C-alpha atoms as a PDB file:
ATOM      1  CA  MET A   1      49.960 -10.731 -21.166  1.00  0.00           C
ATOM      2  CA  ILE A   2      52.729 -13.249 -21.781  1.00  0.00           C
ATOM      3  CA  ASN A   3      51.629 -13.865 -25.359  1.00  0.00           C
ATOM      4  CA  ALA A   4      51.514 -10.080 -25.952  1.00  0.00           C
ATOM      5  CA  LEU A   5      55.288  -9.837 -25.493  1.00  0.00           C
ATOM      6  CA  GLU A   6      57.338  -9.270 -28.630  1.00  0.00           C
ATOM      7  CA  CYS A   7      60.075 -11.643 -27.493  1.00  0.00           C
ATOM      8  CA  TYR A   8      60.079 -15.443 -27.629  1.00  0.00           C
ATOM      9  CA  VAL A   9      58.928 -16.847 -24.276  1.00  0.00           C
ATOM     10  CA  THR A  10      59.881 -20.246 -22.871  1.00  0.00           C
ATOM     11  CA  ILE A  11      58.271 -21.490 -19.670  1.00  0.00           C
ATOM     12  CA  ILE A  12      59.878 -24.388 -17.825  1.00  0.00           C
ATOM     13  CA  GLY A  13      57.631 -26.181 -15.368  1.00  0.00           C
ATOM     14  CA  LEU A  14      59.388 -27.709 -12.394  1.00  0.00           C
ATOM     15  CA  GLY A  15      57.623 -29.896  -9.840  1.00  0.00           C
ATOM     16  CA  GLU A  16      53.848 -29.548  -9.811  1.00  0.00           C
ATOM     17  CA  ILE A  17      52.297 -27.250 -12.403  1.00  0.00           C
ATOM     18  CA  ALA A  18      48.783 -27.107 -11.022  1.00  0.00           C
ATOM     19  CA  SER A  19      45.521 -25.316 -11.596  1.00  0.00           C
ATOM     20  CA  SER A  20      46.018 -21.802 -12.973  1.00  0.00           C
ATOM     21  CA  ALA A  21      49.753 -22.433 -13.458  1.00  0.00           C
ATOM     22  CA  SER A  22      48.851 -24.975 -16.152  1.00  0.00           C
ATOM     23  CA  VAL A  23      46.764 -22.292 -17.899  1.00  0.00           C
ATOM     24  CA  ILE A  24      49.518 -19.650 -17.628  1.00  0.00           C
ATOM     25  CA  MET A  25      52.013 -22.111 -19.097  1.00  0.00           C
ATOM     26  CA  GLN A  26      49.908 -22.299 -22.269  1.00  0.00           C
ATOM     27  CA  ALA A  27      50.728 -18.658 -23.077  1.00  0.00           C
ATOM     28  CA  ALA A  28      54.395 -19.428 -23.763  1.00  0.00           C
ATOM     29  CA  ASP A  29      55.873 -19.977 -27.200  1.00  0.00           C
ATOM     30  CA  LYS A  30      57.758 -22.999 -25.832  1.00  0.00           C
ATOM     31  CA  ARG A  31      56.380 -25.036 -22.910  1.00  0.00           C
ATOM     32  CA  LEU A  32      58.803 -27.455 -21.250  1.00  0.00           C
ATOM     33  CA  LEU A  33      58.467 -29.714 -18.211  1.00  0.00           C
ATOM     34  CA  THR A  34      61.236 -31.311 -16.210  1.00  0.00           C
ATOM     35  CA  THR A  35      61.347 -35.108 -16.254  1.00  0.00           C
ATOM     36  CA  HIS A  36      59.482 -35.711 -13.015  1.00  0.00           C
ATOM     37  CA  SER A  37      57.015 -32.827 -13.177  1.00  0.00           C
ATOM     38  CA  LEU A  38      53.281 -33.281 -12.809  1.00  0.00           C
ATOM     39  CA  MET A  39      50.693 -31.072 -14.476  1.00  0.00           C
ATOM     40  CA  MET A  40      47.289 -30.845 -12.810  1.00  0.00           C
ATOM     41  CA  ILE A  41      44.229 -29.658 -14.702  1.00  0.00           C
ATOM     42  CA  HIS A  42      40.768 -29.249 -13.224  1.00  0.00           C
ATOM     43  CA  THR A  43      37.532 -27.400 -13.711  1.00  0.00           C
ATOM     44  CA  ILE A  44      36.667 -24.093 -12.047  1.00  0.00           C
ATOM     45  CA  SER A  45      36.156 -24.104  -8.289  1.00  0.00           C
ATOM     46  CA  LEU A  46      33.475 -21.726  -7.039  1.00  0.00           C
ATOM     47  CA  GLY A  47      34.950 -21.264  -3.590  1.00  0.00           C
ATOM     48  CA  CYS A  48      31.449 -20.193  -2.613  1.00  0.00           C
ATOM     49  CA  GLU A  49      30.817 -19.055   0.939  1.00  0.00           C
ATOM     50  CA  GLU A  50      28.080 -16.622   0.008  1.00  0.00           C
ATOM     51  CA  ASP A  51      24.668 -16.904   1.619  1.00  0.00           C
ATOM     52  CA  LYS A  52      22.683 -14.765  -0.819  1.00  0.00           C
ATOM     53  CA  LEU A  53      21.154 -16.456  -3.846  1.00  0.00           C
ATOM     54  CA  ALA A  54      22.002 -13.539  -6.167  1.00  0.00           C
ATOM     55  CA  ASN A  55      25.688 -13.779  -5.207  1.00  0.00           C
ATOM     56  CA  ILE A  56      25.718 -17.536  -5.770  1.00  0.00           C
ATOM     57  CA  GLU A  57      24.029 -17.154  -9.169  1.00  0.00           C
ATOM     58  CA  SER A  58      26.574 -14.499 -10.115  1.00  0.00           C
ATOM     59  CA  LEU A  59      29.465 -16.773  -9.096  1.00  0.00           C
ATOM     60  CA  VAL A  60      28.028 -19.614 -11.173  1.00  0.00           C
ATOM     61  CA  LYS A  61      27.676 -17.349 -14.235  1.00  0.00           C
ATOM     62  CA  ILE A  62      31.224 -16.008 -13.912  1.00  0.00           C
ATOM     63  CA  SER A  63      32.580 -19.508 -13.325  1.00  0.00           C
ATOM     64  CA  LYS A  64      30.906 -20.829 -16.473  1.00  0.00           C
ATOM     65  CA  LEU A  65      32.383 -17.963 -18.508  1.00  0.00           C
ATOM     66  CA  SER A  66      35.835 -18.559 -17.005  1.00  0.00           C
ATOM     67  CA  GLU A  67      35.558 -22.282 -17.682  1.00  0.00           C
ATOM     68  CA  GLU A  68      34.820 -21.623 -21.369  1.00  0.00           C
ATOM     69  CA  CYS A  69      37.834 -19.279 -21.627  1.00  0.00           C
ATOM     70  CA  ILE A  70      40.114 -21.890 -20.044  1.00  0.00           C
ATOM     71  CA  LEU A  71      38.753 -24.618 -22.309  1.00  0.00           C
ATOM     72  CA  ASP A  72      39.414 -22.366 -25.322  1.00  0.00           C
ATOM     73  CA  ILE A  73      43.045 -21.939 -24.214  1.00  0.00           C
ATOM     74  CA  TYR A  74      43.600 -25.658 -23.596  1.00  0.00           C
ATOM     75  CA  GLU A  75      41.920 -26.618 -26.876  1.00  0.00           C
ATOM     76  CA  LEU A  76      44.011 -24.105 -28.836  1.00  0.00           C
ATOM     77  CA  LYS A  77      47.322 -25.278 -27.404  1.00  0.00           C
ATOM     78  CA  SER A  78      46.728 -29.016 -26.906  1.00  0.00           C
ATOM     79  CA  HIS A  79      45.765 -31.920 -29.168  1.00  0.00           C
ATOM     80  CA  MET A  80      42.404 -32.283 -27.410  1.00  0.00           C
ATOM     81  CA  THR A  81      38.908 -30.949 -27.986  1.00  0.00           C
ATOM     82  CA  LYS A  82      36.880 -29.151 -25.339  1.00  0.00           C
ATOM     83  CA  LYS A  83      34.670 -32.214 -25.049  1.00  0.00           C
ATOM     84  CA  GLN A  84      37.677 -34.473 -24.425  1.00  0.00           C
ATOM     85  CA  ILE A  85      39.105 -32.097 -21.813  1.00  0.00           C
ATOM     86  CA  ARG A  86      35.729 -31.723 -20.090  1.00  0.00           C
ATOM     87  CA  SER A  87      35.451 -35.505 -19.782  1.00  0.00           C
ATOM     88  CA  LYS A  88      38.743 -35.622 -17.827  1.00  0.00           C
ATOM     89  CA  TRP A  89      38.769 -32.582 -15.564  1.00  0.00           C
ATOM     90  CA  SER A  90      35.761 -33.021 -13.268  1.00  0.00           C
ATOM     91  CA  THR A  91      38.263 -34.199 -10.655  1.00  0.00           C
ATOM     92  CA  ASP A  92      41.892 -33.148 -10.399  1.00  0.00           C
ATOM     93  CA  TRP A  93      43.529 -34.614 -13.518  1.00  0.00           C
ATOM     94  CA  PHE A  94      47.254 -35.246 -13.082  1.00  0.00           C
ATOM     95  CA  LEU A  95      49.517 -35.707 -16.107  1.00  0.00           C
ATOM     96  CA  THR A  96      53.089 -36.904 -16.137  1.00  0.00           C
ATOM     97  CA  THR A  97      55.555 -35.014 -18.297  1.00  0.00           C
ATOM     98  CA  ALA A  98      55.228 -37.663 -21.021  1.00  0.00           C
ATOM     99  CA  GLU A  99      51.419 -37.494 -20.937  1.00  0.00           C
ATOM    100  CA  ALA A 100      51.392 -33.679 -21.017  1.00  0.00           C
ATOM    101  CA  VAL A 101      53.680 -33.690 -24.064  1.00  0.00           C
ATOM    102  CA  GLN A 102      51.694 -36.428 -25.812  1.00  0.00           C
ATOM    103  CA  LEU A 103      48.410 -34.542 -25.290  1.00  0.00           C
ATOM    104  CA  GLY A 104      49.948 -31.201 -26.322  1.00  0.00           C
ATOM    105  CA  PHE A 105      49.828 -29.382 -22.986  1.00  0.00           C
ATOM    106  CA  ALA A 106      53.638 -29.115 -23.141  1.00  0.00           C
ATOM    107  CA  ASP A 107      56.071 -29.075 -26.065  1.00  0.00           C
ATOM    108  CA  GLY A 108      58.822 -31.190 -24.589  1.00  0.00           C
ATOM    109  CA  ARG A 109      61.023 -32.235 -21.724  1.00  0.00           C
ATOM    110  CA  TYR A 110      63.670 -29.920 -20.246  1.00  0.00           C
END
């Protein structure tokens, strides 16, 4: 919804911009991080406590779809391909402000 706004949107990340916050930040027109911020990117977590196979299969399907959507967003806004991002995010991937800017996940330092 952020990118549907008619006004110019700047998001300033302060501290740790982790998980879905790093995805939300990509919707802004201008994405800034403070000097000592950390951005954390990772793959989808199932959070699966279901005991029925059909529920687990459904969670896996939805998670794969969500993962593709998130990869599309990161690829569109960063300087990386889906393949490059996938190779990094199997564990929590922390980026300094400088690294996030260099890779295109942020536009600059605030």
